[in-house]
């Protein structure tokens, strides 16, 4: 199913579900500060696996414990429904639901 470009009104309505995200330079934008580099890189690795499974990849950078993420859909030249699906998954990785802990490998 192809991505659907969202109107400004649709973007603003969906942002209410992701209060930490905002629009910067016509892209969904978020910055995360993690405990340290290992935590930041670990979260980026989890996001990479999700993004690859969706075939929808973030623009991002990492410096020590900070991860900066921008989402846009190049095929529609703007923010799409795919960006919000990925943003929600990213938010769940960086800020898991209280009381639910990620599975730790042995």
PDB file of N, CA and C in Angstrom:
ATOM      1  N   UNK A   1       0.840  -1.173   0.000  1.00  0.00           N
ATOM      2  CA  UNK A   1       0.000   0.000   0.000  1.00  0.00           C
ATOM      3  C   UNK A   1       0.893   1.246   0.000  1.00  0.00           C
ATOM      4  N   UNK A   2       0.701   2.134  -0.954  1.00  0.00           N
ATOM      5  CA  UNK A   2       1.561   3.313  -1.015  1.00  0.00           C
ATOM      6  C   UNK A   2       1.290   4.287   0.130  1.00  0.00           C
ATOM      7  N   UNK A   3       2.308   5.074   0.426  1.00  0.00           N
ATOM      8  CA  UNK A   3       2.185   6.083   1.475  1.00  0.00           C
ATOM      9  C   UNK A   3       1.189   7.157   1.048  1.00  0.00           C
ATOM     10  N   UNK A   4       0.490   7.707   2.047  1.00  0.00           N
ATOM     11  CA  UNK A   4      -0.475   8.778   1.801  1.00  0.00           C
ATOM     12  C   UNK A   4       0.073  10.061   2.411  1.00  0.00           C
ATOM     13  N   UNK A   5       0.270  11.074   1.555  1.00  0.00           N
ATOM     14  CA  UNK A   5       0.719  12.371   2.063  1.00  0.00           C
ATOM     15  C   UNK A   5      -0.391  12.970   2.911  1.00  0.00           C
ATOM     16  N   UNK A   6      -0.011  13.497   4.065  1.00  0.00           N
ATOM     17  CA  UNK A   6      -0.986  14.064   4.988  1.00  0.00           C
ATOM     18  C   UNK A   6      -1.084  15.573   4.820  1.00  0.00           C
ATOM     19  N   UNK A   7      -2.273  16.092   5.022  1.00  0.00           N
ATOM     20  CA  UNK A   7      -2.473  17.541   5.006  1.00  0.00           C
ATOM     21  C   UNK A   7      -1.926  18.114   6.307  1.00  0.00           C
ATOM     22  N   UNK A   8      -1.747  19.426   6.354  1.00  0.00           N
ATOM     23  CA  UNK A   8      -1.289  20.074   7.588  1.00  0.00           C
ATOM     24  C   UNK A   8      -2.241  19.784   8.744  1.00  0.00           C
ATOM     25  N   UNK A   9      -3.546  19.797   8.460  1.00  0.00           N
ATOM     26  CA  UNK A   9      -4.540  19.525   9.514  1.00  0.00           C
ATOM     27  C   UNK A   9      -4.401  18.094  10.029  1.00  0.00           C
ATOM     28  N   UNK A  10      -4.180  17.139   9.131  1.00  0.00           N
ATOM     29  CA  UNK A  10      -4.009  15.744   9.550  1.00  0.00           C
ATOM     30  C   UNK A  10      -2.735  15.583  10.383  1.00  0.00           C
ATOM     31  N   UNK A  11      -1.665  16.243   9.970  1.00  0.00           N
ATOM     32  CA  UNK A  11      -0.402  16.177  10.711  1.00  0.00           C
ATOM     33  C   UNK A  11      -0.596  16.720  12.127  1.00  0.00           C
ATOM     34  N   UNK A  12      -1.225  17.882  12.243  1.00  0.00           N
ATOM     35  CA  UNK A  12      -1.422  18.482  13.563  1.00  0.00           C
ATOM     36  C   UNK A  12      -2.339  17.627  14.442  1.00  0.00           C
ATOM     37  N   UNK A  13      -3.334  17.009  13.853  1.00  0.00           N
ATOM     38  CA  UNK A  13      -4.219  16.133  14.627  1.00  0.00           C
ATOM     39  C   UNK A  13      -3.450  14.917  15.143  1.00  0.00           C
ATOM     40  N   UNK A  14      -2.605  14.329  14.304  1.00  0.00           N
ATOM     41  CA  UNK A  14      -1.846  13.141  14.707  1.00  0.00           C
ATOM     42  C   UNK A  14      -0.732  13.492  15.705  1.00  0.00           C
ATOM     43  N   UNK A  15      -0.214  14.707  15.630  1.00  0.00           N
ATOM     44  CA  UNK A  15       0.821  15.118  16.590  1.00  0.00           C
ATOM     45  C   UNK A  15       0.306  15.086  18.025  1.00  0.00           C
ATOM     46  N   UNK A  16      -0.995  15.223  18.210  1.00  0.00           N
ATOM     47  CA  UNK A  16      -1.545  15.184  19.566  1.00  0.00           C
ATOM     48  C   UNK A  16      -1.331  13.820  20.221  1.00  0.00           C
ATOM     49  N   UNK A  17      -1.137  12.780  19.401  1.00  0.00           N
ATOM     50  CA  UNK A  17      -0.872  11.438  19.934  1.00  0.00           C
ATOM     51  C   UNK A  17       0.610  11.226  20.222  1.00  0.00           C
ATOM     52  N   UNK A  18       1.447  12.122  19.704  1.00  0.00           N
ATOM     53  CA  UNK A  18       2.895  12.051  19.913  1.00  0.00           C
ATOM     54  C   UNK A  18       3.371  13.411  20.419  1.00  0.00           C
ATOM     55  N   UNK A  19       3.055  13.743  21.672  1.00  0.00           N
ATOM     56  CA  UNK A  19       3.295  15.100  22.162  1.00  0.00           C
ATOM     57  C   UNK A  19       4.748  15.543  22.172  1.00  0.00           C
ATOM     58  N   UNK A  20       5.688  14.624  22.168  1.00  0.00           N
ATOM     59  CA  UNK A  20       7.099  15.018  22.185  1.00  0.00           C
ATOM     60  C   UNK A  20       7.655  15.300  20.795  1.00  0.00           C
ATOM     61  N   UNK A  21       6.898  14.971  19.769  1.00  0.00           N
ATOM     62  CA  UNK A  21       7.324  15.194  18.397  1.00  0.00           C
ATOM     63  C   UNK A  21       6.812  16.539  17.916  1.00  0.00           C
ATOM     64  N   UNK A  22       7.519  17.107  16.941  1.00  0.00           N
ATOM     65  CA  UNK A  22       7.078  18.355  16.327  1.00  0.00           C
ATOM     66  C   UNK A  22       7.476  18.344  14.856  1.00  0.00           C
ATOM     67  N   UNK A  23       7.016  19.325  14.127  1.00  0.00           N
ATOM     68  CA  UNK A  23       7.384  19.468  12.721  1.00  0.00           C
ATOM     69  C   UNK A  23       8.474  20.527  12.634  1.00  0.00           C
ATOM     70  N   UNK A  24       9.606  20.136  12.024  1.00  0.00           N
ATOM     71  CA  UNK A  24      10.727  21.039  11.798  1.00  0.00           C
ATOM     72  C   UNK A  24      11.175  20.847  10.353  1.00  0.00           C
ATOM     73  N   UNK A  25      11.211  21.915   9.593  1.00  0.00           N
ATOM     74  CA  UNK A  25      11.615  21.847   8.184  1.00  0.00           C
ATOM     75  C   UNK A  25      10.798  20.824   7.401  1.00  0.00           C
ATOM     76  N   UNK A  26       9.504  20.809   7.655  1.00  0.00           N
ATOM     77  CA  UNK A  26       8.564  19.918   6.956  1.00  0.00           C
ATOM     78  C   UNK A  26       8.847  18.433   7.184  1.00  0.00           C
ATOM     79  N   UNK A  27       9.402  18.111   8.336  1.00  0.00           N
ATOM     80  CA  UNK A  27       9.673  16.723   8.727  1.00  0.00           C
ATOM     81  C   UNK A  27       9.229  16.531  10.164  1.00  0.00           C
ATOM     82  N   UNK A  28       8.791  15.309  10.493  1.00  0.00           N
ATOM     83  CA  UNK A  28       8.549  14.988  11.901  1.00  0.00           C
ATOM     84  C   UNK A  28       9.909  14.934  12.587  1.00  0.00           C
ATOM     85  N   UNK A  29      10.020  15.567  13.740  1.00  0.00           N
ATOM     86  CA  UNK A  29      11.318  15.722  14.394  1.00  0.00           C
ATOM     87  C   UNK A  29      11.219  15.367  15.873  1.00  0.00           C
ATOM     88  N   UNK A  30      12.257  14.684  16.337  1.00  0.00           N
ATOM     89  CA  UNK A  30      12.355  14.338  17.754  1.00  0.00           C
ATOM     90  C   UNK A  30      13.821  14.190  18.127  1.00  0.00           C
ATOM     91  N   UNK A  31      14.135  14.556  19.356  1.00  0.00           N
ATOM     92  CA  UNK A  31      15.481  14.375  19.899  1.00  0.00           C
ATOM     93  C   UNK A  31      15.367  13.608  21.204  1.00  0.00           C
ATOM     94  N   UNK A  32      16.211  12.606  21.344  1.00  0.00           N
ATOM     95  CA  UNK A  32      16.218  11.793  22.556  1.00  0.00           C
ATOM     96  C   UNK A  32      17.579  11.887  23.224  1.00  0.00           C
ATOM     97  N   UNK A  33      17.574  11.960  24.539  1.00  0.00           N
ATOM     98  CA  UNK A  33      18.796  11.868  25.331  1.00  0.00           C
ATOM     99  C   UNK A  33      18.708  10.560  26.109  1.00  0.00           C
ATOM    100  N   UNK A  34      19.677   9.702  25.886  1.00  0.00           N
ATOM    101  CA  UNK A  34      19.713   8.394  26.548  1.00  0.00           C
ATOM    102  C   UNK A  34      20.733   8.422  27.684  1.00  0.00           C
ATOM    103  N   UNK A  35      20.770   7.339  28.425  1.00  0.00           N
ATOM    104  CA  UNK A  35      21.679   7.238  29.576  1.00  0.00           C
ATOM    105  C   UNK A  35      23.136   7.396  29.136  1.00  0.00           C
ATOM    106  N   UNK A  36      23.491   6.771  28.022  1.00  0.00           N
ATOM    107  CA  UNK A  36      24.868   6.800  27.528  1.00  0.00           C
ATOM    108  C   UNK A  36      24.868   6.364  26.061  1.00  0.00           C
ATOM    109  N   UNK A  37      26.054   6.242  25.484  1.00  0.00           N
ATOM    110  CA  UNK A  37      26.171   5.860  24.080  1.00  0.00           C
ATOM    111  C   UNK A  37      25.604   4.477  23.814  1.00  0.00           C
ATOM    112  N   UNK A  38      25.855   3.526  24.694  1.00  0.00           N
ATOM    113  CA  UNK A  38      25.368   2.158  24.496  1.00  0.00           C
ATOM    114  C   UNK A  38      23.842   2.138  24.448  1.00  0.00           C
ATOM    115  N   UNK A  39      23.189   2.866  25.338  1.00  0.00           N
ATOM    116  CA  UNK A  39      21.724   2.921  25.335  1.00  0.00           C
ATOM    117  C   UNK A  39      21.219   3.579  24.044  1.00  0.00           C
ATOM    118  N   UNK A  40      21.853   4.657  23.636  1.00  0.00           N
ATOM    119  CA  UNK A  40      21.445   5.339  22.404  1.00  0.00           C
ATOM    120  C   UNK A  40      21.608   4.419  21.203  1.00  0.00           C
ATOM    121  N   UNK A  41      22.763   3.782  21.093  1.00  0.00           N
ATOM    122  CA  UNK A  41      23.029   2.908  19.954  1.00  0.00           C
ATOM    123  C   UNK A  41      22.125   1.681  19.977  1.00  0.00           C
ATOM    124  N   UNK A  42      21.854   1.154  21.165  1.00  0.00           N
ATOM    125  CA  UNK A  42      20.940   0.012  21.278  1.00  0.00           C
ATOM    126  C   UNK A  42      19.543   0.363  20.784  1.00  0.00           C
ATOM    127  N   UNK A  43      19.052   1.544  21.177  1.00  0.00           N
ATOM    128  CA  UNK A  43      17.738   1.977  20.705  1.00  0.00           C
ATOM    129  C   UNK A  43      17.747   2.200  19.198  1.00  0.00           C
ATOM    130  N   UNK A  44      18.827   2.767  18.686  1.00  0.00           N
ATOM    131  CA  UNK A  44      18.920   2.969  17.237  1.00  0.00           C
ATOM    132  C   UNK A  44      18.902   1.626  16.503  1.00  0.00           C
ATOM    133  N   UNK A  45      19.539   0.625  17.065  1.00  0.00           N
ATOM    134  CA  UNK A  45      19.543  -0.697  16.448  1.00  0.00           C
ATOM    135  C   UNK A  45      18.133  -1.270  16.398  1.00  0.00           C
ATOM    136  N   UNK A  46      17.375  -1.116  17.487  1.00  0.00           N
ATOM    137  CA  UNK A  46      15.993  -1.595  17.498  1.00  0.00           C
ATOM    138  C   UNK A  46      15.146  -0.835  16.472  1.00  0.00           C
ATOM    139  N   UNK A  47      15.356   0.470  16.387  1.00  0.00           N
ATOM    140  CA  UNK A  47      14.630   1.266  15.384  1.00  0.00           C
ATOM    141  C   UNK A  47      15.015   0.816  13.980  1.00  0.00           C
ATOM    142  N   UNK A  48      16.286   0.546  13.754  1.00  0.00           N
ATOM    143  CA  UNK A  48      16.740   0.116  12.426  1.00  0.00           C
ATOM    144  C   UNK A  48      16.027  -1.157  11.979  1.00  0.00           C
ATOM    145  N   UNK A  49      15.838  -2.086  12.897  1.00  0.00           N
ATOM    146  CA  UNK A  49      15.154  -3.335  12.540  1.00  0.00           C
ATOM    147  C   UNK A  49      13.689  -3.084  12.178  1.00  0.00           C
ATOM    148  N   UNK A  50      13.030  -2.213  12.932  1.00  0.00           N
ATOM    149  CA  UNK A  50      11.635  -1.858  12.640  1.00  0.00           C
ATOM    150  C   UNK A  50      11.553  -1.117  11.311  1.00  0.00           C
ATOM    151  N   UNK A  51      12.428  -0.148  11.118  1.00  0.00           N
ATOM    152  CA  UNK A  51      12.422   0.652   9.888  1.00  0.00           C
ATOM    153  C   UNK A  51      12.655  -0.231   8.667  1.00  0.00           C
ATOM    154  N   UNK A  52      13.583  -1.154   8.783  1.00  0.00           N
ATOM    155  CA  UNK A  52      13.859  -2.058   7.659  1.00  0.00           C
ATOM    156  C   UNK A  52      12.650  -2.924   7.353  1.00  0.00           C
ATOM    157  N   UNK A  53      11.969  -3.408   8.391  1.00  0.00           N
ATOM    158  CA  UNK A  53      10.788  -4.251   8.158  1.00  0.00           C
ATOM    159  C   UNK A  53       9.666  -3.462   7.484  1.00  0.00           C
ATOM    160  N   UNK A  54       9.635  -2.148   7.712  1.00  0.00           N
ATOM    161  CA  UNK A  54       8.634  -1.280   7.084  1.00  0.00           C
ATOM    162  C   UNK A  54       9.106  -0.748   5.731  1.00  0.00           C
ATOM    163  N   UNK A  55      10.396  -0.921   5.442  1.00  0.00           N
ATOM    164  CA  UNK A  55      11.020  -0.306   4.268  1.00  0.00           C
ATOM    165  C   UNK A  55      10.796   1.214   4.290  1.00  0.00           C
ATOM    166  N   UNK A  56      10.966   1.774   5.472  1.00  0.00           N
ATOM    167  CA  UNK A  56      10.774   3.212   5.672  1.00  0.00           C
ATOM    168  C   UNK A  56      11.827   3.669   6.674  1.00  0.00           C
ATOM    169  N   UNK A  57      12.799   4.407   6.207  1.00  0.00           N
ATOM    170  CA  UNK A  57      14.003   4.653   6.989  1.00  0.00           C
ATOM    171  C   UNK A  57      14.121   6.103   7.454  1.00  0.00           C
ATOM    172  N   UNK A  58      14.528   6.298   8.709  1.00  0.00           N
ATOM    173  CA  UNK A  58      14.645   7.654   9.253  1.00  0.00           C
ATOM    174  C   UNK A  58      15.904   8.363   8.765  1.00  0.00           C
ATOM    175  N   UNK A  59      15.858   9.669   8.834  1.00  0.00           N
ATOM    176  CA  UNK A  59      17.071  10.486   8.739  1.00  0.00           C
ATOM    177  C   UNK A  59      17.448  10.711  10.199  1.00  0.00           C
ATOM    178  N   UNK A  60      18.683  10.382  10.568  1.00  0.00           N
ATOM    179  CA  UNK A  60      19.038  10.509  11.975  1.00  0.00           C
ATOM    180  C   UNK A  60      20.532  10.701  12.153  1.00  0.00           C
ATOM    181  N   UNK A  61      20.879  11.152  13.346  1.00  0.00           N
ATOM    182  CA  UNK A  61      22.285  11.232  13.717  1.00  0.00           C
ATOM    183  C   UNK A  61      22.403  10.949  15.211  1.00  0.00           C
ATOM    184  N   UNK A  62      23.594  10.545  15.593  1.00  0.00           N
ATOM    185  CA  UNK A  62      23.867  10.176  16.978  1.00  0.00           C
ATOM    186  C   UNK A  62      25.200  10.763  17.389  1.00  0.00           C
ATOM    187  N   UNK A  63      25.199  11.451  18.523  1.00  0.00           N
ATOM    188  CA  UNK A  63      26.430  11.911  19.153  1.00  0.00           C
ATOM    189  C   UNK A  63      26.321  11.531  20.619  1.00  0.00           C
ATOM    190  N   UNK A  64      27.202  10.656  21.045  1.00  0.00           N
ATOM    191  CA  UNK A  64      27.250  10.074  22.375  1.00  0.00           C
ATOM    192  C   UNK A  64      25.873   9.594  22.813  1.00  0.00           C
ATOM    193  N   UNK A  65      25.181  10.293  23.711  1.00  0.00           N
ATOM    194  CA  UNK A  65      23.901   9.790  24.218  1.00  0.00           C
ATOM    195  C   UNK A  65      22.696  10.415  23.515  1.00  0.00           C
ATOM    196  N   UNK A  66      22.936  11.272  22.550  1.00  0.00           N
ATOM    197  CA  UNK A  66      21.851  12.000  21.889  1.00  0.00           C
ATOM    198  C   UNK A  66      21.542  11.393  20.519  1.00  0.00           C
ATOM    199  N   UNK A  67      20.246  11.207  20.242  1.00  0.00           N
ATOM    200  CA  UNK A  67      19.796  10.728  18.945  1.00  0.00           C
ATOM    201  C   UNK A  67      18.784  11.733  18.415  1.00  0.00           C
ATOM    202  N   UNK A  68      19.026  12.239  17.219  1.00  0.00           N
ATOM    203  CA  UNK A  68      18.141  13.190  16.559  1.00  0.00           C
ATOM    204  C   UNK A  68      17.522  12.483  15.362  1.00  0.00           C
ATOM    205  N   UNK A  69      16.185  12.518  15.290  1.00  0.00           N
ATOM    206  CA  UNK A  69      15.467  11.783  14.246  1.00  0.00           C
ATOM    207  C   UNK A  69      14.542  12.723  13.492  1.00  0.00           C
ATOM    208  N   UNK A  70      14.584  12.609  12.157  1.00  0.00           N
ATOM    209  CA  UNK A  70      13.655  13.311  11.276  1.00  0.00           C
ATOM    210  C   UNK A  70      12.995  12.272  10.373  1.00  0.00           C
ATOM    211  N   UNK A  71      11.682  12.414  10.209  1.00  0.00           N
ATOM    212  CA  UNK A  71      10.935  11.493   9.361  1.00  0.00           C
ATOM    213  C   UNK A  71      10.208  12.267   8.275  1.00  0.00           C
ATOM    214  N   UNK A  72      10.347  11.804   7.058  1.00  0.00           N
ATOM    215  CA  UNK A  72       9.638  12.335   5.905  1.00  0.00           C
ATOM    216  C   UNK A  72       9.544  11.208   4.890  1.00  0.00           C
ATOM    217  N   UNK A  73       8.614  11.335   3.973  1.00  0.00           N
ATOM    218  CA  UNK A  73       8.448  10.309   2.942  1.00  0.00           C
ATOM    219  C   UNK A  73       8.785  10.936   1.603  1.00  0.00           C
ATOM    220  N   UNK A  74       9.913  10.541   1.063  1.00  0.00           N
ATOM    221  CA  UNK A  74      10.393  11.158  -0.170  1.00  0.00           C
ATOM    222  C   UNK A  74       9.461  10.908  -1.350  1.00  0.00           C
ATOM    223  N   UNK A  75       8.819   9.748  -1.370  1.00  0.00           N
ATOM    224  CA  UNK A  75       7.945   9.424  -2.513  1.00  0.00           C
ATOM    225  C   UNK A  75       6.728  10.338  -2.603  1.00  0.00           C
ATOM    226  N   UNK A  76       6.295  10.916  -1.484  1.00  0.00           N
ATOM    227  CA  UNK A  76       5.147  11.837  -1.511  1.00  0.00           C
ATOM    228  C   UNK A  76       5.586  13.283  -1.269  1.00  0.00           C
ATOM    229  N   UNK A  77       6.894  13.472  -1.095  1.00  0.00           N
ATOM    230  CA  UNK A  77       7.464  14.805  -0.881  1.00  0.00           C
ATOM    231  C   UNK A  77       6.845  15.514   0.323  1.00  0.00           C
ATOM    232  N   UNK A  78       6.778  14.782   1.435  1.00  0.00           N
ATOM    233  CA  UNK A  78       6.233  15.373   2.647  1.00  0.00           C
ATOM    234  C   UNK A  78       6.021  14.334   3.728  1.00  0.00           C
ATOM    235  N   UNK A  79       5.249  14.707   4.719  1.00  0.00           N
ATOM    236  CA  UNK A  79       4.946  13.814   5.840  1.00  0.00           C
ATOM    237  C   UNK A  79       3.772  12.925   5.456  1.00  0.00           C
ATOM    238  N   UNK A  80       3.949  11.634   5.699  1.00  0.00           N
ATOM    239  CA  UNK A  80       2.910  10.658   5.334  1.00  0.00           C
ATOM    240  C   UNK A  80       2.450   9.866   6.545  1.00  0.00           C
ATOM    241  N   UNK A  81       1.446   9.038   6.296  1.00  0.00           N
ATOM    242  CA  UNK A  81       0.966   8.126   7.325  1.00  0.00           C
ATOM    243  C   UNK A  81       2.078   7.187   7.788  1.00  0.00           C
ATOM    244  N   UNK A  82       2.985   6.794   6.900  1.00  0.00           N
ATOM    245  CA  UNK A  82       4.111   5.930   7.270  1.00  0.00           C
ATOM    246  C   UNK A  82       4.976   6.598   8.346  1.00  0.00           C
ATOM    247  N   UNK A  83       5.168   7.904   8.222  1.00  0.00           N
ATOM    248  CA  UNK A  83       6.005   8.608   9.193  1.00  0.00           C
ATOM    249  C   UNK A  83       5.425   8.527  10.592  1.00  0.00           C
ATOM    250  N   UNK A  84       4.112   8.629  10.684  1.00  0.00           N
ATOM    251  CA  UNK A  84       3.482   8.552  12.012  1.00  0.00           C
ATOM    252  C   UNK A  84       3.509   7.131  12.565  1.00  0.00           C
ATOM    253  N   UNK A  85       3.369   6.138  11.713  1.00  0.00           N
ATOM    254  CA  UNK A  85       3.468   4.751  12.180  1.00  0.00           C
ATOM    255  C   UNK A  85       4.875   4.503  12.730  1.00  0.00           C
ATOM    256  N   UNK A  86       5.888   4.939  11.980  1.00  0.00           N
ATOM    257  CA  UNK A  86       7.261   4.742  12.439  1.00  0.00           C
ATOM    258  C   UNK A  86       7.554   5.583  13.681  1.00  0.00           C
ATOM    259  N   UNK A  87       7.069   6.811  13.729  1.00  0.00           N
ATOM    260  CA  UNK A  87       7.295   7.663  14.907  1.00  0.00           C
ATOM    261  C   UNK A  87       6.732   7.019  16.167  1.00  0.00           C
ATOM    262  N   UNK A  88       5.550   6.432  16.057  1.00  0.00           N
ATOM    263  CA  UNK A  88       4.954   5.769  17.224  1.00  0.00           C
ATOM    264  C   UNK A  88       5.808   4.588  17.678  1.00  0.00           C
ATOM    265  N   UNK A  89       6.323   3.828  16.733  1.00  0.00           N
ATOM    266  CA  UNK A  89       7.179   2.686  17.078  1.00  0.00           C
ATOM    267  C   UNK A  89       8.494   3.168  17.692  1.00  0.00           C
ATOM    268  N   UNK A  90       9.038   4.256  17.162  1.00  0.00           N
ATOM    269  CA  UNK A  90      10.269   4.830  17.721  1.00  0.00           C
ATOM    270  C   UNK A  90      10.017   5.309  19.147  1.00  0.00           C
ATOM    271  N   UNK A  91       8.912   5.982  19.346  1.00  0.00           N
ATOM    272  CA  UNK A  91       8.579   6.482  20.685  1.00  0.00           C
ATOM    273  C   UNK A  91       8.481   5.325  21.682  1.00  0.00           C
ATOM    274  N   UNK A  92       7.890   4.214  21.266  1.00  0.00           N
ATOM    275  CA  UNK A  92       7.768   3.055  22.140  1.00  0.00           C
ATOM    276  C   UNK A  92       9.122   2.416  22.444  1.00  0.00           C
ATOM    277  N   UNK A  93      10.069   2.545  21.528  1.00  0.00           N
ATOM    278  CA  UNK A  93      11.411   2.012  21.766  1.00  0.00           C
ATOM    279  C   UNK A  93      12.182   2.905  22.734  1.00  0.00           C
ATOM    280  N   UNK A  94      12.167   4.201  22.494  1.00  0.00           N
ATOM    281  CA  UNK A  94      12.930   5.121  23.338  1.00  0.00           C
ATOM    282  C   UNK A  94      12.252   5.391  24.679  1.00  0.00           C
ATOM    283  N   UNK A  95      10.927   5.320  24.702  1.00  0.00           N
ATOM    284  CA  UNK A  95      10.162   5.561  25.934  1.00  0.00           C
ATOM    285  C   UNK A  95       9.145   4.446  26.127  1.00  0.00           C
ATOM    286  N   UNK A  96       9.622   3.263  26.519  1.00  0.00           N
ATOM    287  CA  UNK A  96       8.677   2.151  26.687  1.00  0.00           C
ATOM    288  C   UNK A  96       7.607   2.478  27.736  1.00  0.00           C
ATOM    289  N   UNK A  97       6.490   1.848  27.575  1.00  0.00           N
ATOM    290  CA  UNK A  97       5.357   2.049  28.492  1.00  0.00           C
ATOM    291  C   UNK A  97       5.791   1.718  29.916  1.00  0.00           C
ATOM    292  N   UNK A  98       5.488   2.589  30.874  1.00  0.00           N
ATOM    293  CA  UNK A  98       5.838   2.295  32.269  1.00  0.00           C
ATOM    294  C   UNK A  98       5.273   0.941  32.703  1.00  0.00           C
ATOM    295  N   UNK A  99       6.110   0.176  33.387  1.00  0.00           N
ATOM    296  CA  UNK A  99       5.683  -1.128  33.852  1.00  0.00           C
ATOM    297  C   UNK A  99       5.958  -2.250  32.868  1.00  0.00           C
ATOM    298  N   UNK A 100       6.277  -1.892  31.629  1.00  0.00           N
ATOM    299  CA  UNK A 100       6.612  -2.900  30.622  1.00  0.00           C
ATOM    300  C   UNK A 100       8.100  -2.738  30.311  1.00  0.00           C
ATOM    301  N   UNK A 101       8.854  -3.796  30.514  1.00  0.00           N
ATOM    302  CA  UNK A 101      10.288  -3.717  30.328  1.00  0.00           C
ATOM    303  C   UNK A 101      10.695  -4.514  29.102  1.00  0.00           C
ATOM    304  N   UNK A 102      11.644  -3.970  28.311  1.00  0.00           N
ATOM    305  CA  UNK A 102      12.113  -4.713  27.140  1.00  0.00           C
ATOM    306  C   UNK A 102      12.715  -6.048  27.570  1.00  0.00           C
ATOM    307  N   UNK A 103      12.582  -7.034  26.729  1.00  0.00           N
ATOM    308  CA  UNK A 103      13.163  -8.348  27.004  1.00  0.00           C
ATOM    309  C   UNK A 103      14.675  -8.222  26.931  1.00  0.00           C
ATOM    310  N   UNK A 104      15.349  -8.716  27.959  1.00  0.00           N
ATOM    311  CA  UNK A 104      16.813  -8.659  27.969  1.00  0.00           C
ATOM    312  C   UNK A 104      17.353 -10.003  27.504  1.00  0.00           C
ATOM    313  N   UNK A 105      18.347  -9.944  26.628  1.00  0.00           N
ATOM    314  CA  UNK A 105      18.963 -11.193  26.174  1.00  0.00           C
ATOM    315  C   UNK A 105      19.902 -11.705  27.258  1.00  0.00           C
ATOM    316  N   UNK A 106      20.077 -13.010  27.267  1.00  0.00           N
ATOM    317  CA  UNK A 106      20.947 -13.631  28.287  1.00  0.00           C
ATOM    318  C   UNK A 106      22.372 -13.677  27.831  1.00  0.00           C
TER     319      UNK A 106
END
